[in-house]
Each structure stands twice: as structure tokens, then as C-alpha cells.
Amino acid sequence: MYSVLLVEDEDSTRERLAQVIENHPDLKLIEKDATVADAMACLKREQPDVLLCDLGLPDGNGIELINEVRNRKYKTETMVITVFGDEQHVVSAIEAGATGYLLKDGRADYIAESIIQMMAGGSPISASIARHLLKRFKISSHDNYQDEIQQKLSKQEITVLSYLAKGFSCADIAGFLDISCHTVTTHVKRIYRKLAVHSRSEAVYEAHKMGIISLDE
């Protein structure tokens, strides 16, 4: 049986969640609090298996409680249940150590099921939050990939790529940069390899899309 500390300031929601926990055969409610202060006091006396907490509380933020659990080196698993589904709140809670993140629009029995799932090693997250995080991860990964490519291209290669985008031949570029045609060809091959492309048009398209070169000049 898993012991649960519930922290929720809205009376009706707190009672509804408390009833769900008390009615579940594998969960035991050790305390139901409405403030950060009361929950902090409980954490000094108890080491619950589960901290089920809201974020927006009258005297602070639920993240303070997540940090308290972490600072005390408790093995307590934390699940956030809140109305806040924006990126800032989600990321802040997860970075603080929350294992689960549910929105209050879920079914009451789903909350209990999610706690059991979390204690079994899962990370329950509301579907809309999961989609949001996935989108953020994709954007972040894409940005990191762009940064990596730009760092891999040398200044000379970027210059050659800019000339290629303007339609100049390898001989023209060699003359502009006062280097041999062979050297220009070597730069072009390296650019193709780094951008994972096989032609001038593909290289220009990818480089422009990544912001490495501009086609406006």
C-alpha cells in the first residue's frame, strides 16, 4: 500500500481526490493539506510514498514542495495535478523532479490509476501535455541540429556556399577567394557531406532553411 500526501487548496477538489485515494485498495491517505506551509510541516514528520500536489497554492507554489522532497532525499514520487498546462509550469515541475503531470480535467478514478502506474515505474502525463512536450522536444532537437551543422561548417565553407547560392562556378569562386579549383571542389564535397545532400540546389536549400546563408543579397 502506498501512502499519499495530498495538497490541494480548492475544497471540493481536495475532498474529491481524498475520497478517490481512500477508496483505492492500494493507496492510503496520510494527510490532505491546502497550503504549502501545512504540507511542509507534514514532510518534516512523514516520508510519504507519493506527493500529489497542485501548483498554485495560497501561500506559494507546489514546486516548493517538490524541491523539499528532493532536498530531503526522500524516495517520494511526485505527481502534479493542476489547471496549468503551459510550457513554463510543465517544464519547471519536471525539472524540479515531478514524475507525473496531470490536468484536473481528468476523471477522478484516472488519478488513482495514474498514481499506481507511477509507482510501477511509469510517468503518467495528460495527453495534451505529452503532445506539448513532444512538440517542444522536436523543436529543440531541430534547433540543436542546426547549431551543430553551423558549427561544423568552416568560415571558408560558408563563404563558398554563399557563392554557390549566387550561381557562381567553382572557377569563379576560386578566382574570388584566390584559391585553386581543386580546393573549391574539396570545400564543396565537405559541404555536401556535412549537410547530407548530393547537389548544389539541395545544399543551397538546406543552408537557407537553417539560416546559414541568406538568399536576399
C-alpha atoms as a PDB file:
ATOM      1  CA  MET A   1       0.000   0.000   0.000  1.00  0.00           C
ATOM      2  CA  TYR A   2       1.310   3.444  -0.953  1.00  0.00           C
ATOM      3  CA  SER A   3       0.968   6.398   1.421  1.00  0.00           C
ATOM      4  CA  VAL A   4      -0.171   9.665  -0.186  1.00  0.00           C
ATOM      5  CA  LEU A   5       0.171  13.302   0.890  1.00  0.00           C
ATOM      6  CA  LEU A   6      -2.472  15.334  -0.951  1.00  0.00           C
ATOM      7  CA  VAL A   7      -2.016  19.096  -1.344  1.00  0.00           C
ATOM      8  CA  GLU A   8      -4.902  20.980  -2.987  1.00  0.00           C
ATOM      9  CA  ASP A   9      -6.368  24.327  -1.958  1.00  0.00           C
ATOM     10  CA  GLU A  10      -9.787  24.027  -3.600  1.00  0.00           C
ATOM     11  CA  ASP A  11     -12.093  22.391  -1.048  1.00  0.00           C
ATOM     12  CA  SER A  12     -14.324  20.432  -3.427  1.00  0.00           C
ATOM     13  CA  THR A  13     -11.404  19.140  -5.497  1.00  0.00           C
ATOM     14  CA  ARG A  14      -9.421  18.209  -2.388  1.00  0.00           C
ATOM     15  CA  GLU A  15     -12.333  16.214  -0.978  1.00  0.00           C
ATOM     16  CA  ARG A  16     -12.993  14.505  -4.300  1.00  0.00           C
ATOM     17  CA  LEU A  17      -9.353  13.452  -4.646  1.00  0.00           C
ATOM     18  CA  ALA A  18      -9.170  12.405  -0.988  1.00  0.00           C
ATOM     19  CA  GLN A  19     -12.162  10.127  -1.496  1.00  0.00           C
ATOM     20  CA  VAL A  20     -10.611   8.561  -4.596  1.00  0.00           C
ATOM     21  CA  ILE A  21      -7.401   7.825  -2.693  1.00  0.00           C
ATOM     22  CA  GLU A  22      -9.194   6.460   0.368  1.00  0.00           C
ATOM     23  CA  ASN A  23     -11.390   4.205  -1.772  1.00  0.00           C
ATOM     24  CA  HIS A  24      -8.458   2.632  -3.599  1.00  0.00           C
ATOM     25  CA  PRO A  25      -7.236  -0.639  -2.024  1.00  0.00           C
ATOM     26  CA  ASP A  26      -3.560   0.117  -2.742  1.00  0.00           C
ATOM     27  CA  LEU A  27      -3.494   3.731  -1.533  1.00  0.00           C
ATOM     28  CA  LYS A  28      -3.526   5.264   1.927  1.00  0.00           C
ATOM     29  CA  LEU A  29      -4.152   8.966   2.520  1.00  0.00           C
ATOM     30  CA  ILE A  30      -1.906  10.181   5.338  1.00  0.00           C
ATOM     31  CA  GLU A  31      -2.891  13.861   5.128  1.00  0.00           C
ATOM     32  CA  LYS A  32      -4.780  16.346   2.959  1.00  0.00           C
ATOM     33  CA  ASP A  33      -3.483  19.921   3.067  1.00  0.00           C
ATOM     34  CA  ALA A  34      -4.460  23.201   1.443  1.00  0.00           C
ATOM     35  CA  THR A  35      -1.228  25.159   1.845  1.00  0.00           C
ATOM     36  CA  VAL A  36       2.500  24.868   1.283  1.00  0.00           C
ATOM     37  CA  ALA A  37       3.109  25.531   4.994  1.00  0.00           C
ATOM     38  CA  ASP A  38       0.919  22.666   6.179  1.00  0.00           C
ATOM     39  CA  ALA A  39       2.418  20.290   3.623  1.00  0.00           C
ATOM     40  CA  MET A  40       5.945  21.322   4.629  1.00  0.00           C
ATOM     41  CA  ALA A  41       5.089  20.515   8.237  1.00  0.00           C
ATOM     42  CA  CYS A  42       3.813  17.100   7.173  1.00  0.00           C
ATOM     43  CA  LEU A  43       7.001  16.390   5.209  1.00  0.00           C
ATOM     44  CA  LYS A  44       9.016  17.050   8.363  1.00  0.00           C
ATOM     45  CA  ARG A  45       7.010  14.344  10.190  1.00  0.00           C
ATOM     46  CA  GLU A  46       6.312  11.906   7.384  1.00  0.00           C
ATOM     47  CA  GLN A  47       8.002  10.457   4.318  1.00  0.00           C
ATOM     48  CA  PRO A  48       5.085   9.637   2.021  1.00  0.00           C
ATOM     49  CA  ASP A  49       5.423   7.332  -0.935  1.00  0.00           C
ATOM     50  CA  VAL A  50       3.506   9.826  -3.065  1.00  0.00           C
ATOM     51  CA  LEU A  51       3.179  13.605  -3.087  1.00  0.00           C
ATOM     52  CA  LEU A  52       0.086  14.568  -5.066  1.00  0.00           C
ATOM     53  CA  CYS A  53       0.110  18.336  -5.289  1.00  0.00           C
ATOM     54  CA  ASP A  54      -1.340  21.337  -7.042  1.00  0.00           C
ATOM     55  CA  LEU A  55       0.997  24.088  -8.238  1.00  0.00           C
ATOM     56  CA  GLY A  56      -0.994  27.230  -7.478  1.00  0.00           C
ATOM     57  CA  LEU A  57      -1.439  27.343  -3.696  1.00  0.00           C
ATOM     58  CA  PRO A  58      -2.485  30.259  -1.430  1.00  0.00           C
ATOM     59  CA  ASP A  59       0.938  30.675   0.180  1.00  0.00           C
ATOM     60  CA  GLY A  60       3.263  29.580  -2.586  1.00  0.00           C
ATOM     61  CA  ASN A  61       3.900  27.098  -5.372  1.00  0.00           C
ATOM     62  CA  GLY A  62       3.742  23.327  -5.328  1.00  0.00           C
ATOM     63  CA  ILE A  63       7.220  23.259  -6.842  1.00  0.00           C
ATOM     64  CA  GLU A  64       8.498  24.316  -3.406  1.00  0.00           C
ATOM     65  CA  LEU A  65       7.179  21.002  -2.090  1.00  0.00           C
ATOM     66  CA  ILE A  66       8.776  19.043  -4.931  1.00  0.00           C
ATOM     67  CA  ASN A  67      12.088  20.715  -4.118  1.00  0.00           C
ATOM     68  CA  GLU A  68      11.620  19.929  -0.414  1.00  0.00           C
ATOM     69  CA  VAL A  69      11.182  16.233  -1.190  1.00  0.00           C
ATOM     70  CA  ARG A  70      14.303  16.265  -3.326  1.00  0.00           C
ATOM     71  CA  ASN A  71      16.360  18.219  -0.780  1.00  0.00           C
ATOM     72  CA  ARG A  72      15.394  15.754   1.957  1.00  0.00           C
ATOM     73  CA  LYS A  73      16.465  12.925  -0.348  1.00  0.00           C
ATOM     74  CA  TYR A  74      13.119  11.209   0.131  1.00  0.00           C
ATOM     75  CA  LYS A  75      12.168   8.373  -2.201  1.00  0.00           C
ATOM     76  CA  THR A  76       8.795  10.073  -2.563  1.00  0.00           C
ATOM     77  CA  GLU A  77       7.392  10.137  -6.102  1.00  0.00           C
ATOM     78  CA  THR A  78       5.678  13.394  -7.036  1.00  0.00           C
ATOM     79  CA  MET A  79       2.638  13.820  -9.230  1.00  0.00           C
ATOM     80  CA  VAL A  80       1.381  17.275 -10.136  1.00  0.00           C
ATOM     81  CA  ILE A  81      -2.348  17.768 -10.640  1.00  0.00           C
ATOM     82  CA  THR A  82      -3.181  21.259 -11.809  1.00  0.00           C
ATOM     83  CA  VAL A  83      -5.011  23.518 -14.241  1.00  0.00           C
ATOM     84  CA  PHE A  84      -1.713  24.893 -15.563  1.00  0.00           C
ATOM     85  CA  GLY A  85      -0.819  23.238 -18.851  1.00  0.00           C
ATOM     86  CA  ASP A  86       1.554  25.860 -20.242  1.00  0.00           C
ATOM     87  CA  GLU A  87       5.194  25.130 -21.053  1.00  0.00           C
ATOM     88  CA  GLN A  88       6.686  27.137 -18.195  1.00  0.00           C
ATOM     89  CA  HIS A  89       4.757  25.309 -15.466  1.00  0.00           C
ATOM     90  CA  VAL A  90       5.196  21.873 -17.029  1.00  0.00           C
ATOM     91  CA  VAL A  91       8.929  22.195 -17.603  1.00  0.00           C
ATOM     92  CA  SER A  92       9.540  23.786 -14.191  1.00  0.00           C
ATOM     93  CA  ALA A  93       7.719  20.951 -12.412  1.00  0.00           C
ATOM     94  CA  ILE A  94       9.509  18.215 -14.341  1.00  0.00           C
ATOM     95  CA  GLU A  95      12.898  19.866 -13.844  1.00  0.00           C
ATOM     96  CA  ALA A  96      12.168  20.098 -10.116  1.00  0.00           C
ATOM     97  CA  GLY A  97      11.577  16.355 -10.027  1.00  0.00           C
ATOM     98  CA  ALA A  98       7.909  15.645 -10.767  1.00  0.00           C
ATOM     99  CA  THR A  99       7.388  12.181 -12.237  1.00  0.00           C
ATOM    100  CA  GLY A 100       3.780  12.693 -13.322  1.00  0.00           C
ATOM    101  CA  TYR A 101       1.811  15.708 -14.550  1.00  0.00           C
ATOM    102  CA  LEU A 102      -1.954  15.582 -14.857  1.00  0.00           C
ATOM    103  CA  LEU A 103      -4.525  18.231 -15.632  1.00  0.00           C
ATOM    104  CA  LYS A 104      -7.589  18.494 -13.418  1.00  0.00           C
ATOM    105  CA  ASP A 105      -9.946  17.791 -16.294  1.00  0.00           C
ATOM    106  CA  GLY A 106      -9.206  14.071 -15.976  1.00  0.00           C
ATOM    107  CA  ARG A 107     -11.564  11.543 -14.379  1.00  0.00           C
ATOM    108  CA  ALA A 108     -11.182  11.063 -10.637  1.00  0.00           C
ATOM    109  CA  ASP A 109     -10.538   7.324 -10.955  1.00  0.00           C
ATOM    110  CA  TYR A 110      -7.903   8.059 -13.571  1.00  0.00           C
ATOM    111  CA  ILE A 111      -5.917   9.906 -10.889  1.00  0.00           C
ATOM    112  CA  ALA A 112      -5.696   6.785  -8.722  1.00  0.00           C
ATOM    113  CA  GLU A 113      -4.797   4.610 -11.706  1.00  0.00           C
ATOM    114  CA  SER A 114      -2.073   7.088 -12.637  1.00  0.00           C
ATOM    115  CA  ILE A 115      -0.576   7.009  -9.137  1.00  0.00           C
ATOM    116  CA  ILE A 116      -0.350   3.208  -9.281  1.00  0.00           C
ATOM    117  CA  GLN A 117       1.180   3.448 -12.764  1.00  0.00           C
ATOM    118  CA  MET A 118       3.754   5.952 -11.485  1.00  0.00           C
ATOM    119  CA  MET A 119       4.713   3.721  -8.558  1.00  0.00           C
ATOM    120  CA  ALA A 120       5.183   0.873 -11.027  1.00  0.00           C
ATOM    121  CA  GLY A 121       7.818   2.922 -12.840  1.00  0.00           C
ATOM    122  CA  GLY A 122       5.696   4.920 -15.274  1.00  0.00           C
ATOM    123  CA  SER A 123       5.495   8.664 -15.868  1.00  0.00           C
ATOM    124  CA  PRO A 124       1.794   9.485 -16.305  1.00  0.00           C
ATOM    125  CA  ILE A 125       1.238  12.709 -18.234  1.00  0.00           C
ATOM    126  CA  SER A 126      -2.037  14.085 -19.603  1.00  0.00           C
ATOM    127  CA  ALA A 127      -2.313  13.567 -23.355  1.00  0.00           C
ATOM    128  CA  SER A 128      -2.364  17.289 -24.161  1.00  0.00           C
ATOM    129  CA  ILE A 129       0.766  17.841 -22.044  1.00  0.00           C
ATOM    130  CA  ALA A 130       2.533  14.909 -23.717  1.00  0.00           C
ATOM    131  CA  ARG A 131       1.815  16.364 -27.167  1.00  0.00           C
ATOM    132  CA  HIS A 132       3.084  19.746 -25.996  1.00  0.00           C
ATOM    133  CA  LEU A 133       6.327  18.270 -24.652  1.00  0.00           C
ATOM    134  CA  LEU A 134       6.838  16.200 -27.791  1.00  0.00           C
ATOM    135  CA  LYS A 135       6.460  19.296 -29.965  1.00  0.00           C
ATOM    136  CA  ARG A 136       8.911  21.190 -27.749  1.00  0.00           C
ATOM    137  CA  PHE A 137      11.399  18.309 -27.924  1.00  0.00           C
ATOM    138  CA  LYS A 138      11.208  18.202 -31.718  1.00  0.00           C
ATOM    139  CA  ILE A 139      11.790  21.955 -31.988  1.00  0.00           C
ATOM    140  CA  SER A 140      14.669  21.793 -29.513  1.00  0.00           C
ATOM    141  CA  SER A 141      16.257  18.837 -31.322  1.00  0.00           C
ATOM    142  CA  HIS A 142      15.924  20.607 -34.667  1.00  0.00           C
ATOM    143  CA  ASP A 143      17.496  23.781 -33.287  1.00  0.00           C
ATOM    144  CA  ASN A 144      20.357  21.779 -31.772  1.00  0.00           C
ATOM    145  CA  TYR A 145      20.906  20.075 -35.116  1.00  0.00           C
ATOM    146  CA  GLN A 146      21.045  23.438 -36.881  1.00  0.00           C
ATOM    147  CA  ASP A 147      23.551  24.776 -34.353  1.00  0.00           C
ATOM    148  CA  GLU A 148      25.668  21.652 -34.760  1.00  0.00           C
ATOM    149  CA  ILE A 149      25.738  21.985 -38.551  1.00  0.00           C
ATOM    150  CA  GLN A 150      26.654  25.664 -38.395  1.00  0.00           C
ATOM    151  CA  GLN A 151      29.494  24.878 -36.005  1.00  0.00           C
ATOM    152  CA  LYS A 152      30.776  22.113 -38.289  1.00  0.00           C
ATOM    153  CA  LEU A 153      30.938  24.356 -41.365  1.00  0.00           C
ATOM    154  CA  SER A 154      34.115  26.427 -41.513  1.00  0.00           C
ATOM    155  CA  LYS A 155      34.032  30.136 -42.424  1.00  0.00           C
ATOM    156  CA  GLN A 156      35.579  29.272 -45.777  1.00  0.00           C
ATOM    157  CA  GLU A 157      32.940  26.633 -46.454  1.00  0.00           C
ATOM    158  CA  ILE A 158      30.138  29.069 -45.617  1.00  0.00           C
ATOM    159  CA  THR A 159      31.711  31.618 -47.985  1.00  0.00           C
ATOM    160  CA  VAL A 160      31.920  29.014 -50.756  1.00  0.00           C
ATOM    161  CA  LEU A 161      28.317  28.008 -50.075  1.00  0.00           C
ATOM    162  CA  SER A 162      27.217  31.650 -50.344  1.00  0.00           C
ATOM    163  CA  TYR A 163      28.871  31.953 -53.744  1.00  0.00           C
ATOM    164  CA  LEU A 164      27.282  28.673 -54.848  1.00  0.00           C
ATOM    165  CA  ALA A 165      23.899  30.084 -53.869  1.00  0.00           C
ATOM    166  CA  LYS A 166      24.517  33.064 -56.141  1.00  0.00           C
ATOM    167  CA  GLY A 167      25.165  30.740 -59.095  1.00  0.00           C
ATOM    168  CA  PHE A 168      28.914  31.162 -59.436  1.00  0.00           C
ATOM    169  CA  SER A 169      31.012  28.290 -60.827  1.00  0.00           C
ATOM    170  CA  CYS A 170      33.886  26.633 -58.999  1.00  0.00           C
ATOM    171  CA  ALA A 171      36.309  28.508 -61.277  1.00  0.00           C
ATOM    172  CA  ASP A 172      34.644  31.830 -60.391  1.00  0.00           C
ATOM    173  CA  ILE A 173      34.790  31.061 -56.678  1.00  0.00           C
ATOM    174  CA  ALA A 174      38.458  30.047 -56.961  1.00  0.00           C
ATOM    175  CA  GLY A 175      39.195  33.431 -58.512  1.00  0.00           C
ATOM    176  CA  PHE A 176      37.242  35.370 -55.885  1.00  0.00           C
ATOM    177  CA  LEU A 177      38.972  33.615 -52.997  1.00  0.00           C
ATOM    178  CA  ASP A 178      42.384  33.293 -54.666  1.00  0.00           C
ATOM    179  CA  ILE A 179      42.472  29.530 -54.190  1.00  0.00           C
ATOM    180  CA  SER A 180      42.664  26.611 -56.636  1.00  0.00           C
ATOM    181  CA  CYS A 181      39.651  24.984 -58.284  1.00  0.00           C
ATOM    182  CA  HIS A 182      40.680  21.746 -56.580  1.00  0.00           C
ATOM    183  CA  THR A 183      40.410  23.443 -53.171  1.00  0.00           C
ATOM    184  CA  VAL A 184      36.950  24.801 -54.024  1.00  0.00           C
ATOM    185  CA  THR A 185      35.841  21.313 -55.118  1.00  0.00           C
ATOM    186  CA  THR A 186      37.130  19.891 -51.829  1.00  0.00           C
ATOM    187  CA  HIS A 187      35.132  22.509 -49.900  1.00  0.00           C
ATOM    188  CA  VAL A 188      32.007  21.655 -51.905  1.00  0.00           C
ATOM    189  CA  LYS A 189      32.375  17.929 -51.199  1.00  0.00           C
ATOM    190  CA  ARG A 190      32.753  18.639 -47.486  1.00  0.00           C
ATOM    191  CA  ILE A 191      29.686  20.910 -47.528  1.00  0.00           C
ATOM    192  CA  TYR A 192      27.620  18.190 -49.211  1.00  0.00           C
ATOM    193  CA  ARG A 193      28.749  15.636 -46.655  1.00  0.00           C
ATOM    194  CA  LYS A 194      28.060  17.866 -43.641  1.00  0.00           C
ATOM    195  CA  LEU A 195      24.629  18.879 -44.920  1.00  0.00           C
ATOM    196  CA  ALA A 196      23.846  15.302 -46.029  1.00  0.00           C
ATOM    197  CA  VAL A 197      22.966  16.447 -49.573  1.00  0.00           C
ATOM    198  CA  HIS A 198      24.052  15.460 -53.083  1.00  0.00           C
ATOM    199  CA  SER A 199      23.695  18.550 -55.243  1.00  0.00           C
ATOM    200  CA  ARG A 200      24.214  22.313 -55.317  1.00  0.00           C
ATOM    201  CA  SER A 201      20.485  23.027 -55.207  1.00  0.00           C
ATOM    202  CA  GLU A 202      19.968  20.739 -52.191  1.00  0.00           C
ATOM    203  CA  ALA A 203      22.910  22.341 -50.386  1.00  0.00           C
ATOM    204  CA  VAL A 204      21.596  25.854 -51.004  1.00  0.00           C
ATOM    205  CA  TYR A 205      18.075  24.873 -49.970  1.00  0.00           C
ATOM    206  CA  GLU A 206      19.192  23.216 -46.705  1.00  0.00           C
ATOM    207  CA  ALA A 207      21.621  26.008 -45.824  1.00  0.00           C
ATOM    208  CA  HIS A 208      18.990  28.681 -46.413  1.00  0.00           C
ATOM    209  CA  LYS A 209      16.398  26.748 -44.394  1.00  0.00           C
ATOM    210  CA  MET A 210      18.851  26.502 -41.479  1.00  0.00           C
ATOM    211  CA  GLY A 211      19.733  30.166 -41.663  1.00  0.00           C
ATOM    212  CA  ILE A 212      23.365  29.513 -42.567  1.00  0.00           C
ATOM    213  CA  ILE A 213      23.146  31.673 -45.694  1.00  0.00           C
ATOM    214  CA  SER A 214      20.792  34.339 -46.988  1.00  0.00           C
ATOM    215  CA  LEU A 215      19.323  34.436 -50.493  1.00  0.00           C
ATOM    216  CA  ASP A 216      18.272  38.079 -50.226  1.00  0.00           C
ATOM    217  CA  GLU A 217      21.631  39.617 -51.064  1.00  0.00           C
END
